[in-house]
């Protein structure tokens, strides 16, 4: 039982729509429920939403379509929101057969099925992408942030090779509560963005680039050595991790300084 479900239950008791004994029985049943479902090849963590505020997310890499579909069905059957990352179209076909309302996001390579009540983030998450080649990672971050209850603003193809494209969107950058910056090649964009805003910047290096980029290692090292303040770095191509971290920040209560500024 999630925090929102428990609150809803207590509200019904307060309003007289549910007997306290019935509410207690439901709470006890939820507490006794197994914290995971053992499918043999996977143990689906059904209590992660209680612990962390969002259900278990399924990584599609290395799993067969049938395995992904079986895990997805268990998550959805518990009334939880589904997010599968790095999923191919054949995996979506298998999931849709068991979860008819599921959606596929081809650019992000993600499968989603939203249900239940998700707490909304307080501000806007800006997703900044250096080039079109970085789009799959940026979209993974965007889809992740959206399904976790956030409002996002996409600023794509604004890499440092044409800095005027980024500067033209300065106002949109400044209105964000947190910024996710996705870039490959030399990975300079997060440093530039961090020098323009007063909010956290989550840098995502991508594996886009020529030989000496070493599959994104060059961008990763550049971002970790950023001279700008407020830059945190996730792993190479980890759009999901960036979207998740941005969501956590965006769900924090506004400070008095932020409230005054808004």
C-alpha atoms as a PDB file:
ATOM      1  CA  UNK A   1       0.000   0.000   0.000  1.00  0.00           C
ATOM      2  CA  UNK A   2       1.463   3.340  -1.097  1.00  0.00           C
ATOM      3  CA  UNK A   3       1.428   6.550   0.956  1.00  0.00           C
ATOM      4  CA  UNK A   4      -1.290   8.008  -1.288  1.00  0.00           C
ATOM      5  CA  UNK A   5      -3.442   4.869  -0.972  1.00  0.00           C
ATOM      6  CA  UNK A   6      -3.091   4.924   2.807  1.00  0.00           C
ATOM      7  CA  UNK A   7      -4.030   8.608   2.920  1.00  0.00           C
ATOM      8  CA  UNK A   8      -7.067   7.934   0.735  1.00  0.00           C
ATOM      9  CA  UNK A   9      -8.111   5.111   3.057  1.00  0.00           C
ATOM     10  CA  UNK A  10      -7.813   7.309   6.136  1.00  0.00           C
ATOM     11  CA  UNK A  11      -9.732  10.114   4.424  1.00  0.00           C
ATOM     12  CA  UNK A  12     -12.603   7.708   3.737  1.00  0.00           C
ATOM     13  CA  UNK A  13     -12.679   6.699   7.416  1.00  0.00           C
ATOM     14  CA  UNK A  14     -12.711  10.360   8.486  1.00  0.00           C
ATOM     15  CA  UNK A  15     -15.561  11.147   6.099  1.00  0.00           C
ATOM     16  CA  UNK A  16     -17.599   8.170   7.297  1.00  0.00           C
ATOM     17  CA  UNK A  17     -17.415   6.259   4.038  1.00  0.00           C
ATOM     18  CA  UNK A  18     -15.503   3.322   5.534  1.00  0.00           C
ATOM     19  CA  UNK A  19     -15.629   1.611   8.905  1.00  0.00           C
ATOM     20  CA  UNK A  20     -12.376   1.746  10.914  1.00  0.00           C
ATOM     21  CA  UNK A  21     -12.413  -2.067  11.230  1.00  0.00           C
ATOM     22  CA  UNK A  22     -12.582  -2.438   7.442  1.00  0.00           C
ATOM     23  CA  UNK A  23      -9.727   0.022   6.990  1.00  0.00           C
ATOM     24  CA  UNK A  24      -7.636  -1.828   9.584  1.00  0.00           C
ATOM     25  CA  UNK A  25      -8.278  -5.122   7.791  1.00  0.00           C
ATOM     26  CA  UNK A  26      -7.063  -3.670   4.486  1.00  0.00           C
ATOM     27  CA  UNK A  27      -3.942  -2.232   6.092  1.00  0.00           C
ATOM     28  CA  UNK A  28      -3.124  -5.569   7.750  1.00  0.00           C
ATOM     29  CA  UNK A  29      -3.674  -7.419   4.460  1.00  0.00           C
ATOM     30  CA  UNK A  30      -1.287  -5.041   2.692  1.00  0.00           C
ATOM     31  CA  UNK A  31       1.332  -5.539   5.425  1.00  0.00           C
ATOM     32  CA  UNK A  32       1.091  -9.327   5.148  1.00  0.00           C
ATOM     33  CA  UNK A  33       1.403  -9.345   1.363  1.00  0.00           C
ATOM     34  CA  UNK A  34       4.656 -10.803   0.056  1.00  0.00           C
ATOM     35  CA  UNK A  35       7.237  -8.081  -0.691  1.00  0.00           C
ATOM     36  CA  UNK A  36       8.073  -9.759  -4.008  1.00  0.00           C
ATOM     37  CA  UNK A  37       6.630 -12.201  -6.525  1.00  0.00           C
ATOM     38  CA  UNK A  38       8.921 -15.065  -7.528  1.00  0.00           C
ATOM     39  CA  UNK A  39       8.593 -15.889 -11.223  1.00  0.00           C
ATOM     40  CA  UNK A  40      11.552 -18.257 -11.197  1.00  0.00           C
ATOM     41  CA  UNK A  41      13.648 -16.147 -13.559  1.00  0.00           C
ATOM     42  CA  UNK A  42      12.867 -12.900 -11.697  1.00  0.00           C
ATOM     43  CA  UNK A  43      11.696 -11.721  -8.286  1.00  0.00           C
ATOM     44  CA  UNK A  44       9.408  -8.783  -8.903  1.00  0.00           C
ATOM     45  CA  UNK A  45       9.816  -6.217  -6.104  1.00  0.00           C
ATOM     46  CA  UNK A  46       6.201  -5.272  -5.357  1.00  0.00           C
ATOM     47  CA  UNK A  47       7.088  -3.144  -2.313  1.00  0.00           C
ATOM     48  CA  UNK A  48       9.521  -0.767  -3.999  1.00  0.00           C
ATOM     49  CA  UNK A  49       6.828   1.871  -4.414  1.00  0.00           C
ATOM     50  CA  UNK A  50       6.247   1.800  -0.649  1.00  0.00           C
ATOM     51  CA  UNK A  51       9.959   2.219   0.076  1.00  0.00           C
ATOM     52  CA  UNK A  52      10.956   4.634  -2.666  1.00  0.00           C
ATOM     53  CA  UNK A  53       7.792   6.217  -4.002  1.00  0.00           C
ATOM     54  CA  UNK A  54       7.865   4.572  -7.456  1.00  0.00           C
ATOM     55  CA  UNK A  55       7.474   0.924  -8.539  1.00  0.00           C
ATOM     56  CA  UNK A  56      10.290  -1.292  -9.770  1.00  0.00           C
ATOM     57  CA  UNK A  57      11.493  -0.302 -13.238  1.00  0.00           C
ATOM     58  CA  UNK A  58      12.256  -3.089 -15.706  1.00  0.00           C
ATOM     59  CA  UNK A  59      15.491  -3.018 -17.706  1.00  0.00           C
ATOM     60  CA  UNK A  60      14.696  -4.686 -21.027  1.00  0.00           C
ATOM     61  CA  UNK A  61      18.309  -5.468 -21.944  1.00  0.00           C
ATOM     62  CA  UNK A  62      19.142  -9.163 -21.709  1.00  0.00           C
ATOM     63  CA  UNK A  63      15.547 -10.256 -21.134  1.00  0.00           C
ATOM     64  CA  UNK A  64      13.352 -12.097 -23.617  1.00  0.00           C
ATOM     65  CA  UNK A  65      10.050 -10.549 -24.707  1.00  0.00           C
ATOM     66  CA  UNK A  66       8.206 -13.255 -22.774  1.00  0.00           C
ATOM     67  CA  UNK A  67      10.143 -12.495 -19.589  1.00  0.00           C
ATOM     68  CA  UNK A  68       9.521  -8.752 -19.905  1.00  0.00           C
ATOM     69  CA  UNK A  69       5.809  -9.362 -20.486  1.00  0.00           C
ATOM     70  CA  UNK A  70       5.498 -11.639 -17.458  1.00  0.00           C
ATOM     71  CA  UNK A  71       7.206  -9.092 -15.186  1.00  0.00           C
ATOM     72  CA  UNK A  72       5.115  -6.257 -16.637  1.00  0.00           C
ATOM     73  CA  UNK A  73       1.892  -8.152 -16.011  1.00  0.00           C
ATOM     74  CA  UNK A  74       2.748  -8.674 -12.336  1.00  0.00           C
ATOM     75  CA  UNK A  75       3.586  -5.006 -11.812  1.00  0.00           C
ATOM     76  CA  UNK A  76       0.390  -3.816 -13.479  1.00  0.00           C
ATOM     77  CA  UNK A  77      -1.757  -6.385 -11.650  1.00  0.00           C
ATOM     78  CA  UNK A  78      -0.698  -4.752  -8.367  1.00  0.00           C
ATOM     79  CA  UNK A  79      -2.129  -1.440  -9.533  1.00  0.00           C
ATOM     80  CA  UNK A  80       1.318   0.021 -10.125  1.00  0.00           C
ATOM     81  CA  UNK A  81       2.696   2.114 -12.961  1.00  0.00           C
ATOM     82  CA  UNK A  82       4.880   0.281 -15.474  1.00  0.00           C
ATOM     83  CA  UNK A  83       8.139   1.532 -16.969  1.00  0.00           C
ATOM     84  CA  UNK A  84      10.330  -0.724 -19.110  1.00  0.00           C
ATOM     85  CA  UNK A  85      13.562   0.796 -20.437  1.00  0.00           C
ATOM     86  CA  UNK A  86      15.694  -0.335 -23.392  1.00  0.00           C
ATOM     87  CA  UNK A  87      12.796  -2.280 -24.875  1.00  0.00           C
ATOM     88  CA  UNK A  88      12.561  -3.369 -28.494  1.00  0.00           C
ATOM     89  CA  UNK A  89       9.316  -3.487 -30.531  1.00  0.00           C
ATOM     90  CA  UNK A  90       9.005  -7.271 -30.132  1.00  0.00           C
ATOM     91  CA  UNK A  91       9.067  -6.843 -26.355  1.00  0.00           C
ATOM     92  CA  UNK A  92       6.307  -4.243 -26.639  1.00  0.00           C
ATOM     93  CA  UNK A  93       4.190  -6.650 -28.689  1.00  0.00           C
ATOM     94  CA  UNK A  94       4.559  -9.255 -25.929  1.00  0.00           C
ATOM     95  CA  UNK A  95       3.732  -6.734 -23.188  1.00  0.00           C
ATOM     96  CA  UNK A  96       0.720  -5.352 -25.043  1.00  0.00           C
ATOM     97  CA  UNK A  97      -0.722  -8.869 -25.314  1.00  0.00           C
ATOM     98  CA  UNK A  98      -0.851  -8.983 -21.499  1.00  0.00           C
ATOM     99  CA  UNK A  99      -1.271  -5.268 -20.775  1.00  0.00           C
ATOM    100  CA  UNK A 100      -3.524  -3.947 -23.563  1.00  0.00           C
ATOM    101  CA  UNK A 101      -3.213  -0.290 -22.577  1.00  0.00           C
ATOM    102  CA  UNK A 102       0.595  -0.207 -22.629  1.00  0.00           C
ATOM    103  CA  UNK A 103       2.321   2.454 -24.758  1.00  0.00           C
ATOM    104  CA  UNK A 104       5.587   2.275 -26.686  1.00  0.00           C
ATOM    105  CA  UNK A 105       7.891   5.292 -27.021  1.00  0.00           C
ATOM    106  CA  UNK A 106      10.177   4.431 -29.955  1.00  0.00           C
ATOM    107  CA  UNK A 107      12.670   7.287 -29.531  1.00  0.00           C
ATOM    108  CA  UNK A 108      13.142   6.421 -25.851  1.00  0.00           C
ATOM    109  CA  UNK A 109      12.873   2.661 -26.467  1.00  0.00           C
ATOM    110  CA  UNK A 110      10.546   2.544 -23.459  1.00  0.00           C
ATOM    111  CA  UNK A 111       7.237   0.908 -22.572  1.00  0.00           C
ATOM    112  CA  UNK A 112       4.875   2.620 -20.130  1.00  0.00           C
ATOM    113  CA  UNK A 113       1.514   1.998 -18.530  1.00  0.00           C
ATOM    114  CA  UNK A 114       0.369   4.722 -16.152  1.00  0.00           C
ATOM    115  CA  UNK A 115      -2.178   4.007 -13.451  1.00  0.00           C
ATOM    116  CA  UNK A 116      -2.953   5.051  -9.910  1.00  0.00           C
ATOM    117  CA  UNK A 117      -2.105   8.437  -8.457  1.00  0.00           C
ATOM    118  CA  UNK A 118       1.418   9.767  -8.892  1.00  0.00           C
ATOM    119  CA  UNK A 119       2.433  12.807  -6.858  1.00  0.00           C
ATOM    120  CA  UNK A 120       3.199  15.735  -9.156  1.00  0.00           C
ATOM    121  CA  UNK A 121       6.578  17.437  -9.157  1.00  0.00           C
ATOM    122  CA  UNK A 122       6.655  21.054  -8.033  1.00  0.00           C
ATOM    123  CA  UNK A 123       8.435  22.640 -10.979  1.00  0.00           C
ATOM    124  CA  UNK A 124       9.649  21.960 -14.505  1.00  0.00           C
ATOM    125  CA  UNK A 125      12.474  19.640 -15.536  1.00  0.00           C
ATOM    126  CA  UNK A 126      14.342  20.891 -18.602  1.00  0.00           C
ATOM    127  CA  UNK A 127      15.763  18.131 -20.800  1.00  0.00           C
ATOM    128  CA  UNK A 128      18.594  19.617 -22.847  1.00  0.00           C
ATOM    129  CA  UNK A 129      20.077  17.591 -25.690  1.00  0.00           C
ATOM    130  CA  UNK A 130      23.252  18.497 -27.572  1.00  0.00           C
ATOM    131  CA  UNK A 131      22.458  16.829 -30.897  1.00  0.00           C
ATOM    132  CA  UNK A 132      19.924  14.639 -32.641  1.00  0.00           C
ATOM    133  CA  UNK A 133      22.240  11.648 -32.233  1.00  0.00           C
ATOM    134  CA  UNK A 134      21.802  11.971 -28.455  1.00  0.00           C
ATOM    135  CA  UNK A 135      18.008  11.910 -28.771  1.00  0.00           C
ATOM    136  CA  UNK A 136      17.395   8.301 -27.578  1.00  0.00           C
ATOM    137  CA  UNK A 137      19.111   8.974 -24.248  1.00  0.00           C
ATOM    138  CA  UNK A 138      17.390  12.349 -23.844  1.00  0.00           C
ATOM    139  CA  UNK A 139      14.003  10.795 -24.565  1.00  0.00           C
ATOM    140  CA  UNK A 140      14.661   8.024 -22.049  1.00  0.00           C
ATOM    141  CA  UNK A 141      15.193  10.744 -19.437  1.00  0.00           C
ATOM    142  CA  UNK A 142      12.091  12.609 -20.597  1.00  0.00           C
ATOM    143  CA  UNK A 143       9.772   9.575 -20.551  1.00  0.00           C
ATOM    144  CA  UNK A 144      11.117   8.575 -17.137  1.00  0.00           C
ATOM    145  CA  UNK A 145      10.480  12.037 -15.715  1.00  0.00           C
ATOM    146  CA  UNK A 146       6.970  12.230 -17.172  1.00  0.00           C
ATOM    147  CA  UNK A 147       5.841   8.833 -15.891  1.00  0.00           C
ATOM    148  CA  UNK A 148       7.153   9.817 -12.441  1.00  0.00           C
ATOM    149  CA  UNK A 149       4.783  12.787 -12.387  1.00  0.00           C
ATOM    150  CA  UNK A 150       6.849  15.680 -13.694  1.00  0.00           C
ATOM    151  CA  UNK A 151       6.296  18.494 -16.169  1.00  0.00           C
ATOM    152  CA  UNK A 152       9.155  18.683 -18.653  1.00  0.00           C
ATOM    153  CA  UNK A 153      10.480  21.107 -21.242  1.00  0.00           C
ATOM    154  CA  UNK A 154      12.525  19.718 -24.141  1.00  0.00           C
ATOM    155  CA  UNK A 155      15.378  21.812 -25.571  1.00  0.00           C
ATOM    156  CA  UNK A 156      16.937  19.679 -28.297  1.00  0.00           C
ATOM    157  CA  UNK A 157      19.833  20.148 -30.730  1.00  0.00           C
ATOM    158  CA  UNK A 158      21.438  23.021 -28.824  1.00  0.00           C
ATOM    159  CA  UNK A 159      25.032  21.768 -28.687  1.00  0.00           C
ATOM    160  CA  UNK A 160      28.078  23.972 -28.234  1.00  0.00           C
ATOM    161  CA  UNK A 161      29.012  23.864 -31.923  1.00  0.00           C
ATOM    162  CA  UNK A 162      26.248  26.457 -32.391  1.00  0.00           C
ATOM    163  CA  UNK A 163      26.073  28.160 -29.016  1.00  0.00           C
ATOM    164  CA  UNK A 164      23.568  30.770 -30.206  1.00  0.00           C
ATOM    165  CA  UNK A 165      20.926  28.016 -30.340  1.00  0.00           C
ATOM    166  CA  UNK A 166      21.294  27.451 -26.591  1.00  0.00           C
ATOM    167  CA  UNK A 167      21.490  31.143 -25.666  1.00  0.00           C
ATOM    168  CA  UNK A 168      18.236  31.755 -27.540  1.00  0.00           C
ATOM    169  CA  UNK A 169      16.530  29.536 -24.934  1.00  0.00           C
ATOM    170  CA  UNK A 170      18.083  31.173 -21.866  1.00  0.00           C
ATOM    171  CA  UNK A 171      14.701  32.110 -20.420  1.00  0.00           C
ATOM    172  CA  UNK A 172      13.416  28.539 -20.602  1.00  0.00           C
ATOM    173  CA  UNK A 173      16.569  27.282 -18.904  1.00  0.00           C
ATOM    174  CA  UNK A 174      16.193  29.748 -16.047  1.00  0.00           C
ATOM    175  CA  UNK A 175      12.575  28.766 -15.448  1.00  0.00           C
ATOM    176  CA  UNK A 176      13.468  25.109 -14.777  1.00  0.00           C
ATOM    177  CA  UNK A 177      13.867  23.714 -11.282  1.00  0.00           C
ATOM    178  CA  UNK A 178      16.410  21.122 -12.431  1.00  0.00           C
ATOM    179  CA  UNK A 179      18.138  20.595 -15.780  1.00  0.00           C
ATOM    180  CA  UNK A 180      19.173  17.318 -17.401  1.00  0.00           C
ATOM    181  CA  UNK A 181      21.873  17.844 -20.044  1.00  0.00           C
ATOM    182  CA  UNK A 182      22.608  15.032 -22.515  1.00  0.00           C
ATOM    183  CA  UNK A 183      25.730  15.205 -24.696  1.00  0.00           C
ATOM    184  CA  UNK A 184      28.322  13.032 -26.371  1.00  0.00           C
ATOM    185  CA  UNK A 185      31.512  13.917 -28.274  1.00  0.00           C
ATOM    186  CA  UNK A 186      33.597  16.167 -25.963  1.00  0.00           C
ATOM    187  CA  UNK A 187      30.748  16.538 -23.428  1.00  0.00           C
ATOM    188  CA  UNK A 188      31.089  20.303 -22.928  1.00  0.00           C
ATOM    189  CA  UNK A 189      27.397  21.255 -22.870  1.00  0.00           C
ATOM    190  CA  UNK A 190      26.644  20.609 -19.151  1.00  0.00           C
ATOM    191  CA  UNK A 191      29.412  22.998 -18.086  1.00  0.00           C
ATOM    192  CA  UNK A 192      28.015  25.714 -20.332  1.00  0.00           C
ATOM    193  CA  UNK A 193      24.449  25.194 -19.074  1.00  0.00           C
ATOM    194  CA  UNK A 194      25.543  25.109 -15.417  1.00  0.00           C
ATOM    195  CA  UNK A 195      27.183  28.495 -15.908  1.00  0.00           C
ATOM    196  CA  UNK A 196      23.826  29.948 -16.960  1.00  0.00           C
ATOM    197  CA  UNK A 197      21.463  28.633 -14.268  1.00  0.00           C
ATOM    198  CA  UNK A 198      21.201  28.508 -10.458  1.00  0.00           C
ATOM    199  CA  UNK A 199      19.634  25.036 -10.223  1.00  0.00           C
ATOM    200  CA  UNK A 200      21.137  21.521 -10.212  1.00  0.00           C
ATOM    201  CA  UNK A 201      22.403  20.215 -13.547  1.00  0.00           C
ATOM    202  CA  UNK A 202      22.426  16.466 -14.125  1.00  0.00           C
ATOM    203  CA  UNK A 203      24.905  15.606 -16.871  1.00  0.00           C
ATOM    204  CA  UNK A 204      24.434  12.515 -19.031  1.00  0.00           C
ATOM    205  CA  UNK A 205      27.375  11.471 -21.219  1.00  0.00           C
ATOM    206  CA  UNK A 206      26.409   9.488 -24.295  1.00  0.00           C
ATOM    207  CA  UNK A 207      28.359   6.967 -26.339  1.00  0.00           C
ATOM    208  CA  UNK A 208      27.982   9.185 -29.424  1.00  0.00           C
ATOM    209  CA  UNK A 209      31.298  10.219 -30.963  1.00  0.00           C
ATOM    210  CA  UNK A 210      34.243   9.145 -33.061  1.00  0.00           C
ATOM    211  CA  UNK A 211      36.979   6.685 -32.084  1.00  0.00           C
ATOM    212  CA  UNK A 212      38.822   8.584 -29.365  1.00  0.00           C
ATOM    213  CA  UNK A 213      35.560   9.317 -27.559  1.00  0.00           C
ATOM    214  CA  UNK A 214      35.968   5.710 -26.307  1.00  0.00           C
ATOM    215  CA  UNK A 215      32.252   4.992 -26.307  1.00  0.00           C
ATOM    216  CA  UNK A 216      31.390   7.970 -24.127  1.00  0.00           C
ATOM    217  CA  UNK A 217      34.325   7.810 -21.707  1.00  0.00           C
ATOM    218  CA  UNK A 218      35.712  11.111 -23.035  1.00  0.00           C
ATOM    219  CA  UNK A 219      32.392  12.866 -22.395  1.00  0.00           C
ATOM    220  CA  UNK A 220      32.082  11.215 -18.974  1.00  0.00           C
ATOM    221  CA  UNK A 221      35.516  12.421 -17.867  1.00  0.00           C
ATOM    222  CA  UNK A 222      34.889  15.928 -19.222  1.00  0.00           C
ATOM    223  CA  UNK A 223      31.619  16.182 -17.293  1.00  0.00           C
ATOM    224  CA  UNK A 224      33.188  14.866 -14.084  1.00  0.00           C
ATOM    225  CA  UNK A 225      35.904  17.512 -14.449  1.00  0.00           C
ATOM    226  CA  UNK A 226      33.448  20.338 -15.062  1.00  0.00           C
ATOM    227  CA  UNK A 227      34.620  23.738 -13.862  1.00  0.00           C
ATOM    228  CA  UNK A 228      31.014  24.892 -13.365  1.00  0.00           C
ATOM    229  CA  UNK A 229      29.234  24.572 -10.020  1.00  0.00           C
ATOM    230  CA  UNK A 230      26.258  22.311  -9.426  1.00  0.00           C
ATOM    231  CA  UNK A 231      26.963  19.570 -11.979  1.00  0.00           C
ATOM    232  CA  UNK A 232      26.313  15.932 -11.056  1.00  0.00           C
ATOM    233  CA  UNK A 233      27.072  13.132 -13.516  1.00  0.00           C
ATOM    234  CA  UNK A 234      25.353   9.802 -14.165  1.00  0.00           C
ATOM    235  CA  UNK A 235      26.697   6.846 -16.115  1.00  0.00           C
ATOM    236  CA  UNK A 236      27.141   6.730 -19.885  1.00  0.00           C
ATOM    237  CA  UNK A 237      23.794   6.640 -21.762  1.00  0.00           C
ATOM    238  CA  UNK A 238      21.902   6.505 -18.442  1.00  0.00           C
ATOM    239  CA  UNK A 239      18.900   8.616 -19.356  1.00  0.00           C
ATOM    240  CA  UNK A 240      16.745   6.694 -16.899  1.00  0.00           C
ATOM    241  CA  UNK A 241      19.063   7.465 -13.987  1.00  0.00           C
ATOM    242  CA  UNK A 242      19.087  11.156 -14.866  1.00  0.00           C
ATOM    243  CA  UNK A 243      15.304  11.318 -15.218  1.00  0.00           C
ATOM    244  CA  UNK A 244      14.856   9.550 -11.891  1.00  0.00           C
ATOM    245  CA  UNK A 245      17.295  11.840 -10.066  1.00  0.00           C
ATOM    246  CA  UNK A 246      15.689  14.927 -11.596  1.00  0.00           C
ATOM    247  CA  UNK A 247      12.289  13.689 -10.429  1.00  0.00           C
ATOM    248  CA  UNK A 248      13.525  13.232  -6.865  1.00  0.00           C
ATOM    249  CA  UNK A 249      14.837  16.807  -6.838  1.00  0.00           C
ATOM    250  CA  UNK A 250      11.652  18.173  -8.377  1.00  0.00           C
ATOM    251  CA  UNK A 251       9.511  16.477  -5.735  1.00  0.00           C
ATOM    252  CA  UNK A 252      11.362  18.148  -2.862  1.00  0.00           C
ATOM    253  CA  UNK A 253       9.339  20.948  -1.219  1.00  0.00           C
ATOM    254  CA  UNK A 254      10.133  24.457  -2.393  1.00  0.00           C
ATOM    255  CA  UNK A 255      12.463  26.409  -0.131  1.00  0.00           C
ATOM    256  CA  UNK A 256      11.397  29.824   1.145  1.00  0.00           C
ATOM    257  CA  UNK A 257      13.806  31.421  -1.349  1.00  0.00           C
ATOM    258  CA  UNK A 258      12.249  29.491  -4.253  1.00  0.00           C
ATOM    259  CA  UNK A 259       8.711  30.332  -3.097  1.00  0.00           C
ATOM    260  CA  UNK A 260       9.556  34.033  -2.999  1.00  0.00           C
ATOM    261  CA  UNK A 261      11.164  33.900  -6.437  1.00  0.00           C
ATOM    262  CA  UNK A 262       8.146  32.160  -7.961  1.00  0.00           C
END
